[in-house]
Amino acid sequence: MVPFSRANPHRAPSFLTACALLFFSVAGASAQSQPAPAIDATALVRRAIANHMTAQAAHHPQRFVLHKKDDRRDYTQEIIETRQGDVSVAIAASGKPLNPDMHQVQIDRLNELDAHPDLQEHRRKREQEDTARALKLMRMLPDAFLYQYESTVPCTVVVPPHVMIPGEPTPPPPATPAPSSECYHLTFQPNPAWNPPDTESRILRGMAGEVWIEKSQERLTSLSAHIVTDVDFGWGIIGHLDKGGTIFLEQTEISPNDWELSRMKLNLTGKALLVKSLNIHLTEEMAHYAPVAPDLDYHQAIQILKSDPTDQPK
């Protein structure tokens, strides 16, 4: 299964970014479900993907904060989207503000990027390539899987995760949010009659799981997928994923009709280039979304990120 927000190289390597673009997981679905009339699950998925594509075409650039944690690192970034690609700066490591030396490294990196537009153009092209691959796979979803409508459930789609910003007080433990909407709950499994047209799409043959679609807007809100068989794939490189891996993502409605990726969890093993071992245990949380001017260029974004660190989106 696949869809979500646009590719972003600050969040993960290319293949992992693809997972965020192509998969999603539970947006707080309640255990209590309600019966509903018979629903054509495949047609529902087609409409939800069409709605996602339409929204992506009209996407408004955002400024947001990303917290990323894996087996090696735990850090927080601020990211600004521009028409020349995303720009980011680290603002915390292991939940603490950067020390002066670490902060200076970030400033030096931004200055280097500001002085060399070719570096930013290379990153922009990589983002575009990842997005194009992901959208191609997204269009295959209705045919690549067999969908089954399970139920209609209360769900929460408007509460993003809390990502700490240096200098902010520690918040109290979050309360369980009350359901704010209803979601269609579907399950999916590989369609044995579907043949992947290329190596990149082979990954779809090895996945099964559950997907939630918000009822009133028919937007893909979340998906929980697992790798049901060993699978080879191509995504700029030749790779292999082992059976048993899991993918969890969720999307949040940050403002009316504006949905953004808010959480991703990957637990995957396999090989890259069929030789190098992959052992991925990654959690990412995105929050504090705020729109920026659509004509903001990457030089201006750099200046914003170099400004007073107290000037963070809240």
Protein backbone atom coordinates (compact mmCIF):
# COMPACT_ATOMS: atom_id res chain seq x y z
CA MET A 1 0.00 0.00 0.00
CA VAL A 2 1.29 3.51 -0.56
CA PRO A 3 0.29 7.29 -0.43
CA PHE A 4 1.06 10.35 1.63
CA SER A 5 2.81 13.62 1.48
CA ARG A 6 5.63 14.74 -0.79
CA ALA A 7 9.18 13.38 -0.73
CA ASN A 8 11.63 15.05 1.62
CA PRO A 9 15.31 14.05 1.76
CA HIS A 10 15.68 15.59 5.24
CA ARG A 11 13.30 12.97 6.61
CA ALA A 12 14.85 9.80 5.26
CA PRO A 13 16.87 8.20 2.46
CA SER A 14 15.10 7.86 -0.88
CA PHE A 15 13.49 4.47 -0.29
CA LEU A 16 12.33 5.39 3.20
CA THR A 17 10.88 8.61 1.86
CA ALA A 18 9.01 6.49 -0.63
CA CYS A 19 7.43 4.58 2.22
CA ALA A 20 6.12 7.86 3.62
CA LEU A 21 4.74 8.81 0.25
CA LEU A 22 3.27 5.41 -0.33
CA PHE A 23 2.08 4.18 3.05
CA PHE A 24 0.24 5.34 6.13
CA SER A 25 -1.06 4.05 9.42
CA VAL A 26 -3.70 4.44 12.10
CA ALA A 27 -4.91 7.95 12.88
CA GLY A 28 -6.32 7.08 16.29
CA ALA A 29 -9.05 4.69 15.19
CA SER A 30 -11.34 3.54 17.99
CA ALA A 31 -11.85 -0.13 18.76
CA GLN A 32 -15.62 0.37 18.52
CA SER A 33 -16.94 0.12 14.99
CA GLN A 34 -20.28 0.70 13.34
CA PRO A 35 -21.82 -1.39 10.56
CA ALA A 36 -22.35 0.41 7.27
CA PRO A 37 -23.91 -0.29 3.88
CA ALA A 38 -21.93 -2.35 1.39
CA ILE A 39 -19.04 -0.28 0.03
CA ASP A 40 -16.98 -0.78 -3.11
CA ALA A 41 -13.60 -0.66 -1.37
CA THR A 42 -11.53 -0.45 -4.56
CA ALA A 43 -13.61 2.46 -5.89
CA LEU A 44 -13.23 4.20 -2.53
CA VAL A 45 -9.44 3.85 -2.73
CA ARG A 46 -9.46 5.24 -6.29
CA ARG A 47 -11.39 8.31 -5.15
CA ALA A 48 -9.16 8.83 -2.12
CA ILE A 49 -6.04 8.67 -4.28
CA ALA A 50 -7.58 11.10 -6.79
CA ASN A 51 -8.36 13.49 -3.91
CA HIS A 52 -4.79 13.16 -2.65
CA MET A 53 -3.38 13.91 -6.11
CA THR A 54 -5.60 16.97 -6.48
CA ALA A 55 -4.54 18.30 -3.10
CA GLN A 56 -0.85 17.70 -3.84
CA ALA A 57 -1.12 19.68 -7.08
CA ALA A 58 -2.41 22.65 -5.07
CA HIS A 59 -0.04 22.13 -2.11
CA HIS A 60 0.91 25.29 -0.19
CA PRO A 61 4.53 25.31 1.07
CA GLN A 62 4.96 24.84 4.80
CA ARG A 63 7.38 25.46 7.63
CA PHE A 64 7.45 22.67 10.20
CA VAL A 65 9.48 20.79 12.80
CA LEU A 66 10.66 17.20 12.42
CA HIS A 67 11.82 14.90 15.22
CA LYS A 68 13.75 11.89 13.95
CA LYS A 69 15.05 8.97 15.99
CA ASP A 70 16.78 5.78 14.87
CA ASP A 71 19.39 3.40 16.28
CA ARG A 72 22.18 5.97 15.83
CA ARG A 73 20.67 9.43 16.15
CA ASP A 74 17.98 11.45 17.91
CA TYR A 75 17.61 14.96 16.58
CA THR A 76 15.12 17.69 15.72
CA GLN A 77 15.10 19.82 12.58
CA GLU A 78 13.20 22.82 11.35
CA ILE A 79 12.31 22.58 7.65
CA ILE A 80 11.00 25.15 5.18
CA GLU A 81 9.59 24.14 1.81
CA THR A 82 10.40 26.36 -1.19
CA ARG A 83 9.97 26.14 -4.94
CA GLN A 84 13.70 25.31 -5.17
CA GLY A 85 13.35 22.44 -2.71
CA ASP A 86 13.34 22.07 1.05
CA VAL A 87 15.86 23.69 3.39
CA SER A 88 16.53 22.44 6.92
CA VAL A 89 18.52 23.15 10.04
CA ALA A 90 19.07 21.02 13.14
CA ILE A 91 17.81 22.71 16.31
CA ALA A 92 18.18 19.96 18.94
CA ALA A 93 20.02 16.69 19.60
CA SER A 94 18.71 14.07 22.03
CA GLY A 95 16.07 16.54 23.17
CA LYS A 96 18.58 19.26 24.10
CA PRO A 97 19.49 22.52 22.31
CA LEU A 98 22.62 22.38 20.17
CA ASN A 99 25.81 23.52 21.86
CA PRO A 100 27.61 26.52 20.26
CA ASP A 101 29.95 24.35 18.17
CA MET A 102 27.11 22.21 16.82
CA HIS A 103 25.05 25.31 16.08
CA GLN A 104 27.96 26.85 14.16
CA VAL A 105 28.27 23.71 12.06
CA GLN A 106 24.63 24.20 11.03
CA ILE A 107 25.19 27.87 10.20
CA ASP A 108 28.27 27.01 8.12
CA ARG A 109 26.28 24.37 6.22
CA LEU A 110 23.50 26.85 5.46
CA ASN A 111 26.05 29.43 4.30
CA GLU A 112 27.62 26.87 1.99
CA LEU A 113 24.22 26.02 0.55
CA ASP A 114 23.38 29.70 0.14
CA ALA A 115 26.61 30.30 -1.80
CA HIS A 116 26.26 27.27 -4.09
CA PRO A 117 22.85 27.07 -5.81
CA ASP A 118 24.02 23.96 -7.68
CA LEU A 119 23.95 22.02 -4.41
CA GLN A 120 20.36 23.02 -3.76
CA GLU A 121 19.40 22.23 -7.36
CA HIS A 122 20.84 18.73 -6.98
CA ARG A 123 18.71 18.22 -3.87
CA ARG A 124 15.62 19.60 -5.60
CA LYS A 125 16.05 17.16 -8.48
CA ARG A 126 16.41 14.28 -6.04
CA GLU A 127 13.19 15.32 -4.31
CA GLN A 128 11.40 15.48 -7.66
CA GLU A 129 12.66 12.04 -8.67
CA ASP A 130 11.48 10.50 -5.41
CA THR A 131 8.10 12.18 -5.71
CA ALA A 132 7.65 11.04 -9.32
CA ARG A 133 8.45 7.44 -8.37
CA ALA A 134 6.07 7.53 -5.45
CA LEU A 135 3.21 9.03 -7.45
CA LYS A 136 3.68 6.39 -10.12
CA LEU A 137 3.33 3.65 -7.50
CA MET A 138 0.38 5.43 -5.93
CA ARG A 139 -1.52 5.23 -9.22
CA MET A 140 -1.03 1.45 -9.17
CA LEU A 141 -2.59 0.95 -5.74
CA PRO A 142 -6.19 0.26 -6.77
CA ASP A 143 -5.05 -2.57 -9.06
CA ALA A 144 -2.10 -3.91 -7.06
CA PHE A 145 -4.19 -4.91 -4.03
CA LEU A 146 -7.47 -6.55 -3.17
CA TYR A 147 -9.40 -4.38 -0.71
CA GLN A 148 -12.01 -5.42 1.82
CA TYR A 149 -14.29 -3.01 3.65
CA GLU A 150 -14.31 -3.91 7.35
CA SER A 151 -16.22 -1.18 9.21
CA THR A 152 -16.73 2.52 9.82
CA VAL A 153 -14.99 3.69 13.00
CA PRO A 154 -14.63 6.89 15.03
CA CYS A 155 -11.19 8.40 14.38
CA THR A 156 -9.05 11.39 15.29
CA VAL A 157 -7.52 13.25 12.35
CA VAL A 158 -6.76 16.75 13.69
CA VAL A 159 -4.32 16.12 16.57
CA PRO A 160 -0.64 16.11 15.48
CA PRO A 161 2.13 14.67 17.68
CA HIS A 162 3.89 17.01 20.09
CA VAL A 163 7.44 17.75 18.95
CA MET A 164 9.52 19.58 21.53
CA ILE A 165 11.21 22.85 20.51
CA PRO A 166 14.24 24.03 22.54
CA GLY A 167 13.20 26.58 25.14
CA GLU A 168 9.62 25.40 25.35
CA PRO A 169 8.33 24.06 28.70
CA THR A 170 7.74 20.32 28.93
CA PRO A 171 4.04 19.73 28.32
CA PRO A 172 1.89 17.52 30.55
CA PRO A 173 1.22 13.96 29.35
CA PRO A 174 -1.21 14.16 26.43
CA ALA A 175 -4.78 13.11 27.05
CA THR A 176 -6.41 10.62 24.74
CA PRO A 177 -8.06 12.80 22.09
CA ALA A 178 -11.77 12.42 21.50
CA PRO A 179 -12.72 11.12 18.04
CA SER A 180 -13.33 14.03 15.70
CA SER A 181 -14.48 12.23 12.58
CA GLU A 182 -15.41 8.86 11.08
CA CYS A 183 -13.10 6.71 8.98
CA TYR A 184 -13.65 3.78 6.68
CA HIS A 185 -11.50 0.87 7.80
CA LEU A 186 -10.25 -1.33 4.95
CA THR A 187 -7.89 -4.28 4.81
CA PHE A 188 -5.77 -5.10 1.79
CA GLN A 189 -3.63 -7.91 0.42
CA PRO A 190 -1.64 -8.37 -2.80
CA ASN A 191 -3.70 -8.99 -5.92
CA PRO A 192 -2.36 -12.25 -7.40
CA ALA A 193 -3.65 -11.25 -10.85
CA TRP A 194 -1.59 -8.04 -10.92
CA ASN A 195 1.86 -8.11 -12.51
CA PRO A 196 4.34 -5.36 -11.51
CA PRO A 197 5.38 -3.45 -14.65
CA ASP A 198 8.91 -2.71 -13.38
CA THR A 199 11.37 -3.42 -10.57
CA GLU A 200 10.26 -0.39 -8.55
CA SER A 201 6.68 -1.65 -8.32
CA ARG A 202 7.65 -5.17 -7.18
CA ILE A 203 7.61 -3.92 -3.60
CA LEU A 204 3.80 -3.82 -3.77
CA ARG A 205 3.66 -7.59 -4.20
CA GLY A 206 5.04 -8.15 -0.71
CA MET A 207 2.73 -6.02 1.45
CA ALA A 208 -0.58 -6.39 3.24
CA GLY A 209 -2.32 -4.52 6.03
CA GLU A 210 -5.01 -2.00 6.91
CA VAL A 211 -5.88 1.48 5.68
CA TRP A 212 -8.16 4.19 7.06
CA ILE A 213 -9.95 6.76 4.88
CA GLU A 214 -11.68 9.79 6.40
CA LYS A 215 -15.35 9.58 5.49
CA SER A 216 -16.48 13.16 4.76
CA GLN A 217 -13.49 14.18 2.60
CA GLU A 218 -12.48 10.69 1.44
CA ARG A 219 -8.85 11.41 2.32
CA LEU A 220 -6.29 8.75 3.09
CA THR A 221 -5.56 9.27 6.76
CA SER A 222 -3.49 6.28 7.76
CA LEU A 223 -2.20 2.82 6.99
CA SER A 224 -0.53 -0.01 8.84
CA ALA A 225 1.37 -2.38 6.55
CA HIS A 226 3.59 -5.41 7.04
CA ILE A 227 5.90 -7.30 4.72
CA VAL A 228 4.24 -10.67 4.12
CA THR A 229 6.96 -12.20 1.95
CA ASP A 230 10.57 -11.54 1.02
CA VAL A 231 10.56 -9.03 -1.83
CA ASP A 232 13.11 -7.53 -4.21
CA PHE A 233 12.66 -3.98 -5.45
CA GLY A 234 14.39 -1.20 -7.34
CA TRP A 235 14.39 2.39 -6.10
CA GLY A 236 17.45 3.97 -7.63
CA ILE A 237 19.25 0.94 -6.19
CA ILE A 238 18.51 -2.77 -6.18
CA GLY A 239 17.26 -3.85 -2.78
CA HIS A 240 15.63 -6.65 -0.84
CA LEU A 241 13.22 -6.55 2.10
CA ASP A 242 12.77 -9.46 4.48
CA LYS A 243 9.40 -10.83 5.49
CA GLY A 244 8.15 -9.51 8.84
CA GLY A 245 8.93 -5.79 8.50
CA THR A 246 6.32 -3.19 9.44
CA ILE A 247 5.41 0.30 8.27
CA PHE A 248 3.22 2.72 10.22
CA LEU A 249 2.33 6.24 9.12
CA GLU A 250 -0.37 8.75 9.81
CA GLN A 251 -1.55 11.96 8.24
CA THR A 252 -3.14 14.88 10.13
CA GLU A 253 -5.55 17.55 8.95
CA ILE A 254 -3.53 20.58 10.11
CA SER A 255 -6.15 23.05 8.85
CA PRO A 256 -9.43 22.61 6.97
CA ASN A 257 -8.78 20.42 3.90
CA ASP A 258 -4.99 20.58 4.40
CA TRP A 259 -3.48 17.19 5.28
CA GLU A 260 0.19 16.68 6.13
CA LEU A 261 2.31 13.70 7.12
CA SER A 262 2.61 13.69 10.93
CA ARG A 263 4.08 10.34 12.00
CA MET A 264 6.08 7.49 10.46
CA LYS A 265 7.49 4.32 12.02
CA LEU A 266 9.57 1.84 10.04
CA ASN A 267 10.94 -1.49 11.21
CA LEU A 268 12.56 -3.17 8.21
CA THR A 269 15.41 -5.54 7.50
CA GLY A 270 16.93 -6.60 4.19
CA LYS A 271 19.78 -5.67 1.89
CA ALA A 272 20.77 -2.72 -0.30
CA LEU A 273 22.58 -3.52 -3.55
CA LEU A 274 21.91 -7.14 -2.49
CA VAL A 275 25.06 -6.97 -0.33
CA LYS A 276 24.84 -4.26 2.34
CA SER A 277 22.56 -5.16 5.22
CA LEU A 278 19.54 -2.96 5.97
CA ASN A 279 18.38 -2.81 9.58
CA ILE A 280 16.01 0.12 9.92
CA HIS A 281 14.27 1.13 13.16
CA LEU A 282 13.09 4.65 12.50
CA THR A 283 10.52 6.97 14.06
CA GLU A 284 9.69 10.40 12.66
CA GLU A 285 7.17 12.93 13.96
CA MET A 286 6.23 16.14 12.16
CA ALA A 287 4.40 19.03 13.81
CA HIS A 288 4.17 22.83 14.19
CA TYR A 289 3.10 23.25 10.56
CA ALA A 290 2.71 26.84 9.40
CA PRO A 291 2.27 28.13 5.83
CA VAL A 292 4.96 30.23 4.19
CA ALA A 293 4.74 32.53 1.17
CA PRO A 294 4.36 30.49 -2.04
CA ASP A 295 7.05 32.58 -3.77
CA LEU A 296 9.59 32.17 -0.93
CA ASP A 297 12.92 31.11 -2.45
CA TYR A 298 15.52 28.93 -0.79
CA HIS A 299 17.89 31.86 -0.08
CA GLN A 300 15.14 33.58 1.90
CA ALA A 301 14.38 30.33 3.71
CA ILE A 302 18.02 30.05 4.74
CA GLN A 303 17.93 33.53 6.24
CA ILE A 304 14.80 32.63 8.19
CA LEU A 305 16.43 29.47 9.56
CA LYS A 306 19.53 31.44 10.58
CA SER A 307 17.42 33.94 12.53
CA ASP A 308 16.78 33.98 16.27
CA PRO A 309 16.05 30.36 17.33
CA THR A 310 13.23 31.62 19.53
CA ASP A 311 11.42 32.51 16.31
CA GLN A 312 10.19 28.95 15.85
CA PRO A 313 6.74 27.99 14.56
CA LYS A 314 4.44 27.27 17.51
